[in-house]
Amino acid sequence: MSIIKFDANICILSGKRGINQVYIDTIMVIELSRILVGIDGSEESMRAAEYAVSIAKLYNAELIAINVLTPDIGYVYSSPGVESPPLTVREIILLAEDEARLWFDKIKKKANKKEIQMTTEVIVAKRSVLSTVLEYVIDQKIDLIVVGTRGRSCIKKMLLGSIASGLVTYAACPVLVVK
């Protein structure tokens, strides 16, 4: 392990596989081993994933990408004005999982280039997306959450999306919100 010192207040310890501890004022140790990024396919979430990949590399941390399907997912996959047989809930979930895999594959390519351990998961929420993510963070012992400012709903008038805002307010770990 080698010590890289930037100034009197910040000290970074670097090992064979990258930085794994950052000391600020030599009192506070920032150690990240599990980073969660929420992906919904929006431009903001994909940008957040780029940050998460870089941070995971810096801290030699595991990266976990999740996509949470909401109970009202059927509305996303039904086209108004197009007559087609109604999809079953299972068919809708399979379509959504296929779409999420495409997003995950883009992120995995970047993670693999940087030799980052990455796992992905599609979660079917029984409650709200926010409560599902908050529970996941505790169960999986996540050290940092990285999310985009707004999701697919992309309500332009909102400065911060409701999920991002809720995570910042209620999460048990730090949250990085990416514009």
Foldseek 3Di string as FASTA:
>chain_A
DDWDDDDCFWIWDADPQATAWIGGNNPDIQGFAEEEQEDDPDPQSLVLLVVVLVVCSHNVHAYEYEYEAEPVLQVVVDDPPDDDPRDDPVRSVVVSVVVVVVSVVVSVVSNVVSVHHYDYYYHYDPDDPQVVVQVVCVVVVGAEYTYEQAHPVCPPVDRGYPSLVSCCVDHPHYYHYGD
